Amino acid sequence: MADNKQSHLNGAYYGPAIPPARTHRSIGRGGCDCCCLPCCLLSTLFKLLFSIIITLGIIVLILWLVLRPNEIKPYVETATLSNFDLSNNTNNNIILNYNLSMDLSIRNPNKRIGIYYDYIESQALYDDSRIGFKILEPFYQGHKNTTVLHPEFGSRTAVLGDSVASTYKREKSEGFFYVDVKVYTKLRLKIWIFKFHGFKPEIDCRLKLPVSSNGTASTVSIFERTKCDVHYF
């Protein structure tokens, strides 16, 4: 009888199926393991940020296609430089006597963007030294409109550094004086009923003024239209 029992145990067993071992998983969406919960959060955050970036990119592209924004177009139409001459005072300082006036046109080429010029500061520089300063009147510029400004740096005396004398002598012998005019602005853009702040472009104009026939700049003018550069950063 013992042999019969032993042979029965060694045979095939057709009892009920043994259930597989259970594994503990998180009940959250996505089926992440509890031990990898930080990984799941990072993955979800990355997908959310990626979706936001894509959405913003599409919105910006649509706005650009609708508005087609273009930067302002500044030009120096005319400029006159009078009594441009160096001298020395009693303290042996270098003195510049001059009178500079110009017509500066600014073109807004946009069809759907108006521009508020809330602050306009103009400066004249010679050999990187400021020789003139003037605040201009603020104004609003409509769509596809051109406005002409008239910066004038009236007769005044400026005390300059020693390098100016050598620059003045060299440019006088070459036949042209180079004066830089910079315009610093603070703008607001008007798009439909919305207004956007925080734009501060800088306009840089390089004037090439011929020396008069008598060897001084008693009265020299420029009538060739000169394009200015615009820097937004």
C-alpha atoms as a PDB file:
ATOM      1  CA  MET A   1       0.000   0.000   0.000  1.00  0.00           C
ATOM      2  CA  ALA A   2       2.895   2.328   0.686  1.00  0.00           C
ATOM      3  CA  ASP A   3       4.154   1.678  -2.846  1.00  0.00           C
ATOM      4  CA  ASN A   4       0.783   2.603  -4.326  1.00  0.00           C
ATOM      5  CA  LYS A   5       0.682   5.891  -2.486  1.00  0.00           C
ATOM      6  CA  GLN A   6       4.211   6.736  -3.579  1.00  0.00           C
ATOM      7  CA  SER A   7       3.461   6.060  -7.235  1.00  0.00           C
ATOM      8  CA  HIS A   8       0.347   8.258  -7.019  1.00  0.00           C
ATOM      9  CA  LEU A   9       2.368  11.153  -5.752  1.00  0.00           C
ATOM     10  CA  ASN A  10       4.943  10.798  -8.506  1.00  0.00           C
ATOM     11  CA  GLY A  11       2.322  11.032 -11.264  1.00  0.00           C
ATOM     12  CA  ALA A  12       0.887  14.117 -12.998  1.00  0.00           C
ATOM     13  CA  TYR A  13      -1.227  16.399 -10.816  1.00  0.00           C
ATOM     14  CA  TYR A  14      -4.332  17.943 -12.302  1.00  0.00           C
ATOM     15  CA  GLY A  15      -5.479  20.050  -9.389  1.00  0.00           C
ATOM     16  CA  PRO A  16      -6.710  23.698  -9.468  1.00  0.00           C
ATOM     17  CA  ALA A  17      -4.432  26.304 -11.096  1.00  0.00           C
ATOM     18  CA  ILE A  18      -2.043  28.173  -8.812  1.00  0.00           C
ATOM     19  CA  PRO A  19      -2.730  31.946  -9.036  1.00  0.00           C
ATOM     20  CA  PRO A  20       0.263  34.098 -10.045  1.00  0.00           C
ATOM     21  CA  ALA A  21       1.993  36.200  -7.478  1.00  0.00           C
ATOM     22  CA  ARG A  22       0.416  39.662  -7.166  1.00  0.00           C
ATOM     23  CA  THR A  23       2.484  42.814  -7.725  1.00  0.00           C
ATOM     24  CA  HIS A  24       1.648  46.105  -6.062  1.00  0.00           C
ATOM     25  CA  ARG A  25       1.048  48.910  -8.582  1.00  0.00           C
ATOM     26  CA  SER A  26      -0.105  52.457  -8.131  1.00  0.00           C
ATOM     27  CA  ILE A  27      -3.766  53.118  -8.776  1.00  0.00           C
ATOM     28  CA  GLY A  28      -3.022  56.442 -10.498  1.00  0.00           C
ATOM     29  CA  ARG A  29      -3.387  57.053 -14.181  1.00  0.00           C
ATOM     30  CA  GLY A  30      -0.610  55.721 -16.336  1.00  0.00           C
ATOM     31  CA  GLY A  31       0.032  52.679 -14.202  1.00  0.00           C
ATOM     32  CA  CYS A  32       3.392  53.851 -12.799  1.00  0.00           C
ATOM     33  CA  ASP A  33       5.012  51.881 -10.042  1.00  0.00           C
ATOM     34  CA  CYS A  34       4.937  53.474  -6.617  1.00  0.00           C
ATOM     35  CA  CYS A  35       8.703  53.441  -6.508  1.00  0.00           C
ATOM     36  CA  CYS A  36       8.828  55.493  -9.759  1.00  0.00           C
ATOM     37  CA  LEU A  37       6.319  58.170  -8.775  1.00  0.00           C
ATOM     38  CA  PRO A  38       8.907  61.029  -9.159  1.00  0.00           C
ATOM     39  CA  CYS A  39       9.641  59.804 -12.688  1.00  0.00           C
ATOM     40  CA  CYS A  40       5.932  59.861 -13.516  1.00  0.00           C
ATOM     41  CA  LEU A  41       5.580  63.415 -12.187  1.00  0.00           C
ATOM     42  CA  LEU A  42       8.570  64.616 -14.198  1.00  0.00           C
ATOM     43  CA  SER A  43       7.245  62.961 -17.334  1.00  0.00           C
ATOM     44  CA  THR A  44       3.817  64.563 -16.873  1.00  0.00           C
ATOM     45  CA  LEU A  45       5.390  67.968 -16.198  1.00  0.00           C
ATOM     46  CA  PHE A  46       7.570  67.691 -19.307  1.00  0.00           C
ATOM     47  CA  LYS A  47       4.558  66.824 -21.475  1.00  0.00           C
ATOM     48  CA  LEU A  48       2.617  69.763 -20.027  1.00  0.00           C
ATOM     49  CA  LEU A  49       5.469  72.220 -20.674  1.00  0.00           C
ATOM     50  CA  PHE A  50       5.960  70.873 -24.173  1.00  0.00           C
ATOM     51  CA  SER A  51       2.242  71.337 -24.916  1.00  0.00           C
ATOM     52  CA  ILE A  52       2.349  74.926 -23.587  1.00  0.00           C
ATOM     53  CA  ILE A  53       5.416  75.756 -25.713  1.00  0.00           C
ATOM     54  CA  ILE A  54       3.802  74.320 -28.840  1.00  0.00           C
ATOM     55  CA  THR A  55       0.582  76.253 -28.172  1.00  0.00           C
ATOM     56  CA  LEU A  56       2.416  79.530 -27.598  1.00  0.00           C
ATOM     57  CA  GLY A  57       4.484  78.966 -30.725  1.00  0.00           C
ATOM     58  CA  ILE A  58       1.336  78.488 -32.802  1.00  0.00           C
ATOM     59  CA  ILE A  59      -0.234  81.641 -31.316  1.00  0.00           C
ATOM     60  CA  VAL A  60       2.917  83.704 -32.038  1.00  0.00           C
ATOM     61  CA  LEU A  61       3.055  82.379 -35.593  1.00  0.00           C
ATOM     62  CA  ILE A  62      -0.599  83.273 -36.209  1.00  0.00           C
ATOM     63  CA  LEU A  63      -0.107  86.789 -34.777  1.00  0.00           C
ATOM     64  CA  TRP A  64       3.004  87.304 -36.910  1.00  0.00           C
ATOM     65  CA  LEU A  65       1.160  86.192 -40.058  1.00  0.00           C
ATOM     66  CA  VAL A  66      -1.730  88.542 -39.256  1.00  0.00           C
ATOM     67  CA  LEU A  67       0.305  91.599 -38.140  1.00  0.00           C
ATOM     68  CA  ARG A  68       3.487  91.188 -40.227  1.00  0.00           C
ATOM     69  CA  PRO A  69       5.448  93.570 -37.946  1.00  0.00           C
ATOM     70  CA  ASN A  70       8.290  95.651 -39.413  1.00  0.00           C
ATOM     71  CA  GLU A  71      10.807  97.859 -37.636  1.00  0.00           C
ATOM     72  CA  ILE A  72      10.726 101.634 -37.961  1.00  0.00           C
ATOM     73  CA  LYS A  73      12.670 103.222 -40.841  1.00  0.00           C
ATOM     74  CA  PRO A  74      14.660 106.358 -39.830  1.00  0.00           C
ATOM     75  CA  TYR A  75      16.478 108.576 -42.337  1.00  0.00           C
ATOM     76  CA  VAL A  76      18.386 111.843 -42.136  1.00  0.00           C
ATOM     77  CA  GLU A  77      16.862 113.950 -44.877  1.00  0.00           C
ATOM     78  CA  THR A  78      19.025 117.076 -44.443  1.00  0.00           C
ATOM     79  CA  ALA A  79      21.596 118.332 -41.950  1.00  0.00           C
ATOM     80  CA  THR A  80      23.420 121.612 -41.488  1.00  0.00           C
ATOM     81  CA  LEU A  81      26.543 122.203 -39.419  1.00  0.00           C
ATOM     82  CA  SER A  82      27.643 125.809 -38.790  1.00  0.00           C
ATOM     83  CA  ASN A  83      30.660 127.362 -37.107  1.00  0.00           C
ATOM     84  CA  PHE A  84      32.304 124.011 -36.460  1.00  0.00           C
ATOM     85  CA  ASP A  85      35.633 125.142 -35.085  1.00  0.00           C
ATOM     86  CA  LEU A  86      38.061 124.293 -32.274  1.00  0.00           C
ATOM     87  CA  SER A  87      39.808 126.732 -29.976  1.00  0.00           C
ATOM     88  CA  ASN A  88      41.459 126.888 -26.553  1.00  0.00           C
ATOM     89  CA  ASN A  89      40.223 128.887 -23.577  1.00  0.00           C
ATOM     90  CA  THR A  90      42.309 130.589 -20.870  1.00  0.00           C
ATOM     91  CA  ASN A  91      42.631 127.286 -19.003  1.00  0.00           C
ATOM     92  CA  ASN A  92      43.983 125.650 -22.168  1.00  0.00           C
ATOM     93  CA  ASN A  93      40.855 123.486 -22.496  1.00  0.00           C
ATOM     94  CA  ILE A  94      39.735 122.409 -25.962  1.00  0.00           C
ATOM     95  CA  ILE A  95      36.560 124.268 -26.924  1.00  0.00           C
ATOM     96  CA  LEU A  96      34.224 123.326 -29.781  1.00  0.00           C
ATOM     97  CA  ASN A  97      31.959 126.001 -31.220  1.00  0.00           C
ATOM     98  CA  TYR A  98      29.223 124.646 -33.451  1.00  0.00           C
ATOM     99  CA  ASN A  99      25.582 124.741 -34.512  1.00  0.00           C
ATOM    100  CA  LEU A 100      23.927 121.549 -35.772  1.00  0.00           C
ATOM    101  CA  SER A 101      20.401 121.128 -37.128  1.00  0.00           C
ATOM    102  CA  MET A 102      18.835 118.253 -39.052  1.00  0.00           C
ATOM    103  CA  ASP A 103      15.605 116.768 -40.399  1.00  0.00           C
ATOM    104  CA  LEU A 104      15.088 113.205 -39.205  1.00  0.00           C
ATOM    105  CA  SER A 105      12.228 111.253 -40.775  1.00  0.00           C
ATOM    106  CA  ILE A 106      10.843 108.149 -39.069  1.00  0.00           C
ATOM    107  CA  ARG A 107       8.616 105.810 -41.070  1.00  0.00           C
ATOM    108  CA  ASN A 108       6.119 103.378 -39.516  1.00  0.00           C
ATOM    109  CA  PRO A 109       5.670 100.774 -42.284  1.00  0.00           C
ATOM    110  CA  ASN A 110       3.124  98.654 -40.396  1.00  0.00           C
ATOM    111  CA  LYS A 111      -0.488  98.309 -41.536  1.00  0.00           C
ATOM    112  CA  ARG A 112      -1.958  97.255 -38.184  1.00  0.00           C
ATOM    113  CA  ILE A 113       0.455  98.659 -35.579  1.00  0.00           C
ATOM    114  CA  GLY A 114       0.415 102.233 -34.292  1.00  0.00           C
ATOM    115  CA  ILE A 115       3.322 103.634 -32.270  1.00  0.00           C
ATOM    116  CA  TYR A 116       3.336 105.990 -29.290  1.00  0.00           C
ATOM    117  CA  TYR A 117       6.679 107.777 -28.878  1.00  0.00           C
ATOM    118  CA  ASP A 118       6.445 108.557 -25.165  1.00  0.00           C
ATOM    119  CA  TYR A 119      10.041 109.717 -24.730  1.00  0.00           C
ATOM    120  CA  ILE A 120      12.541 110.950 -27.323  1.00  0.00           C
ATOM    121  CA  GLU A 121      16.052 112.003 -26.348  1.00  0.00           C
ATOM    122  CA  SER A 122      18.524 113.143 -28.995  1.00  0.00           C
ATOM    123  CA  GLN A 123      22.286 113.464 -28.546  1.00  0.00           C
ATOM    124  CA  ALA A 124      25.055 114.710 -30.824  1.00  0.00           C
ATOM    125  CA  LEU A 125      28.531 113.234 -30.476  1.00  0.00           C
ATOM    126  CA  TYR A 126      31.889 114.038 -31.993  1.00  0.00           C
ATOM    127  CA  ASP A 127      34.805 111.651 -31.556  1.00  0.00           C
ATOM    128  CA  ASP A 128      32.650 109.721 -29.023  1.00  0.00           C
ATOM    129  CA  SER A 129      32.254 112.868 -26.890  1.00  0.00           C
ATOM    130  CA  ARG A 130      28.776 114.276 -26.354  1.00  0.00           C
ATOM    131  CA  ILE A 131      28.493 117.792 -27.695  1.00  0.00           C
ATOM    132  CA  GLY A 132      24.714 118.231 -27.733  1.00  0.00           C
ATOM    133  CA  PHE A 133      21.548 117.102 -25.949  1.00  0.00           C
ATOM    134  CA  LYS A 134      17.867 117.775 -26.541  1.00  0.00           C
ATOM    135  CA  ILE A 135      14.505 116.281 -25.530  1.00  0.00           C
ATOM    136  CA  LEU A 136      11.945 116.169 -28.354  1.00  0.00           C
ATOM    137  CA  GLU A 137       8.166 116.318 -28.085  1.00  0.00           C
ATOM    138  CA  PRO A 138       6.344 112.958 -27.771  1.00  0.00           C
ATOM    139  CA  PHE A 139       3.853 112.009 -30.473  1.00  0.00           C
ATOM    140  CA  TYR A 140       1.675 109.217 -31.863  1.00  0.00           C
ATOM    141  CA  GLN A 141       2.407 107.711 -35.261  1.00  0.00           C
ATOM    142  CA  GLY A 142      -0.371 105.967 -37.172  1.00  0.00           C
ATOM    143  CA  HIS A 143      -0.246 103.098 -39.637  1.00  0.00           C
ATOM    144  CA  LYS A 144       2.065 103.526 -42.646  1.00  0.00           C
ATOM    145  CA  ASN A 145       2.867 107.066 -41.597  1.00  0.00           C
ATOM    146  CA  THR A 146       6.031 109.183 -41.768  1.00  0.00           C
ATOM    147  CA  THR A 147       6.923 111.794 -39.140  1.00  0.00           C
ATOM    148  CA  VAL A 148       9.758 114.311 -39.526  1.00  0.00           C
ATOM    149  CA  LEU A 149      11.618 115.452 -36.403  1.00  0.00           C
ATOM    150  CA  HIS A 150      13.835 118.536 -36.254  1.00  0.00           C
ATOM    151  CA  PRO A 151      16.627 118.045 -33.678  1.00  0.00           C
ATOM    152  CA  GLU A 152      18.601 121.244 -33.241  1.00  0.00           C
ATOM    153  CA  PHE A 153      21.658 121.493 -31.063  1.00  0.00           C
ATOM    154  CA  GLY A 154      21.901 125.262 -30.776  1.00  0.00           C
ATOM    155  CA  SER A 155      25.100 127.270 -30.614  1.00  0.00           C
ATOM    156  CA  ARG A 156      26.924 126.157 -27.537  1.00  0.00           C
ATOM    157  CA  THR A 157      30.431 125.517 -26.316  1.00  0.00           C
ATOM    158  CA  ALA A 158      31.638 122.076 -25.309  1.00  0.00           C
ATOM    159  CA  VAL A 159      34.834 121.234 -23.444  1.00  0.00           C
ATOM    160  CA  LEU A 160      36.338 118.107 -24.975  1.00  0.00           C
ATOM    161  CA  GLY A 161      39.230 115.737 -24.433  1.00  0.00           C
ATOM    162  CA  ASP A 162      42.675 115.924 -25.979  1.00  0.00           C
ATOM    163  CA  SER A 163      41.946 113.273 -28.643  1.00  0.00           C
ATOM    164  CA  VAL A 164      39.344 115.525 -30.268  1.00  0.00           C
ATOM    165  CA  ALA A 165      42.004 117.939 -31.518  1.00  0.00           C
ATOM    166  CA  SER A 166      43.838 115.237 -33.461  1.00  0.00           C
ATOM    167  CA  THR A 167      40.564 113.844 -34.858  1.00  0.00           C
ATOM    168  CA  TYR A 168      39.458 117.311 -35.923  1.00  0.00           C
ATOM    169  CA  LYS A 169      42.764 118.006 -37.637  1.00  0.00           C
ATOM    170  CA  ARG A 170      42.737 114.670 -39.489  1.00  0.00           C
ATOM    171  CA  GLU A 171      39.111 114.953 -40.665  1.00  0.00           C
ATOM    172  CA  LYS A 172      39.648 118.550 -41.723  1.00  0.00           C
ATOM    173  CA  SER A 173      42.532 117.505 -43.952  1.00  0.00           C
ATOM    174  CA  GLU A 174      40.440 114.616 -45.376  1.00  0.00           C
ATOM    175  CA  GLY A 175      37.599 116.982 -46.253  1.00  0.00           C
ATOM    176  CA  PHE A 176      34.772 115.574 -44.084  1.00  0.00           C
ATOM    177  CA  PHE A 177      33.653 115.914 -40.471  1.00  0.00           C
ATOM    178  CA  TYR A 178      31.835 112.917 -38.956  1.00  0.00           C
ATOM    179  CA  VAL A 179      29.170 113.657 -36.352  1.00  0.00           C
ATOM    180  CA  ASP A 180      27.034 110.960 -34.728  1.00  0.00           C
ATOM    181  CA  VAL A 181      23.452 111.591 -33.674  1.00  0.00           C
ATOM    182  CA  LYS A 182      21.766 109.102 -31.353  1.00  0.00           C
ATOM    183  CA  VAL A 183      18.061 109.090 -30.542  1.00  0.00           C
ATOM    184  CA  TYR A 184      16.878 107.154 -27.476  1.00  0.00           C
ATOM    185  CA  THR A 185      13.160 106.365 -27.376  1.00  0.00           C
ATOM    186  CA  LYS A 186      10.509 104.690 -25.229  1.00  0.00           C
ATOM    187  CA  LEU A 187       7.663 103.261 -27.294  1.00  0.00           C
ATOM    188  CA  ARG A 188       4.221 101.766 -26.844  1.00  0.00           C
ATOM    189  CA  LEU A 189       2.706  99.666 -29.589  1.00  0.00           C
ATOM    190  CA  LYS A 190      -1.017  99.894 -30.309  1.00  0.00           C
ATOM    191  CA  ILE A 191      -2.540  96.767 -31.845  1.00  0.00           C
ATOM    192  CA  TRP A 192      -6.306  97.112 -32.241  1.00  0.00           C
ATOM    193  CA  ILE A 193      -7.440  98.192 -28.735  1.00  0.00           C
ATOM    194  CA  PHE A 194      -4.416  96.747 -26.960  1.00  0.00           C
ATOM    195  CA  LYS A 195      -1.258  98.646 -25.976  1.00  0.00           C
ATOM    196  CA  PHE A 196       2.112  97.047 -25.258  1.00  0.00           C
ATOM    197  CA  HIS A 197       4.902  98.715 -23.266  1.00  0.00           C
ATOM    198  CA  GLY A 198       8.610  98.106 -22.795  1.00  0.00           C
ATOM    199  CA  PHE A 199      10.127  98.906 -26.210  1.00  0.00           C
ATOM    200  CA  LYS A 200      13.247 101.086 -26.145  1.00  0.00           C
ATOM    201  CA  PRO A 201      14.894 101.193 -29.584  1.00  0.00           C
ATOM    202  CA  GLU A 202      17.996 103.311 -30.193  1.00  0.00           C
ATOM    203  CA  ILE A 203      18.453 105.144 -33.489  1.00  0.00           C
ATOM    204  CA  ASP A 204      22.038 105.733 -34.655  1.00  0.00           C
ATOM    205  CA  CYS A 205      22.757 108.210 -37.449  1.00  0.00           C
ATOM    206  CA  ARG A 206      26.218 108.859 -38.913  1.00  0.00           C
ATOM    207  CA  LEU A 207      26.520 112.267 -40.550  1.00  0.00           C
ATOM    208  CA  LYS A 208      29.274 112.865 -43.099  1.00  0.00           C
ATOM    209  CA  LEU A 209      29.552 116.642 -43.397  1.00  0.00           C
ATOM    210  CA  PRO A 210      31.903 118.196 -45.975  1.00  0.00           C
ATOM    211  CA  VAL A 211      34.423 120.838 -44.971  1.00  0.00           C
ATOM    212  CA  SER A 212      33.719 124.188 -46.618  1.00  0.00           C
ATOM    213  CA  SER A 213      36.010 125.525 -49.327  1.00  0.00           C
ATOM    214  CA  ASN A 214      37.768 127.961 -46.989  1.00  0.00           C
ATOM    215  CA  GLY A 215      39.005 125.058 -44.815  1.00  0.00           C
ATOM    216  CA  THR A 216      36.532 125.529 -41.955  1.00  0.00           C
ATOM    217  CA  ALA A 217      33.018 124.363 -41.299  1.00  0.00           C
ATOM    218  CA  SER A 218      31.495 127.823 -41.183  1.00  0.00           C
ATOM    219  CA  THR A 219      28.448 126.484 -43.055  1.00  0.00           C
ATOM    220  CA  VAL A 220      28.301 122.929 -44.376  1.00  0.00           C
ATOM    221  CA  SER A 221      25.204 120.958 -45.271  1.00  0.00           C
ATOM    222  CA  ILE A 222      24.313 117.436 -46.280  1.00  0.00           C
ATOM    223  CA  PHE A 223      21.437 116.808 -48.687  1.00  0.00           C
ATOM    224  CA  GLU A 224      22.054 113.155 -49.473  1.00  0.00           C
ATOM    225  CA  ARG A 225      19.466 110.986 -47.740  1.00  0.00           C
ATOM    226  CA  THR A 226      21.238 108.892 -45.107  1.00  0.00           C
ATOM    227  CA  LYS A 227      19.760 105.737 -43.553  1.00  0.00           C
ATOM    228  CA  CYS A 228      20.082 105.324 -39.787  1.00  0.00           C
ATOM    229  CA  ASP A 229      20.473 102.072 -37.856  1.00  0.00           C
ATOM    230  CA  VAL A 230      17.952 100.839 -35.276  1.00  0.00           C
ATOM    231  CA  HIS A 231      19.007  98.764 -32.261  1.00  0.00           C
ATOM    232  CA  TYR A 232      16.422  97.139 -30.019  1.00  0.00           C
ATOM    233  CA  PHE A 233      18.809  95.502 -27.534  1.00  0.00           C
END
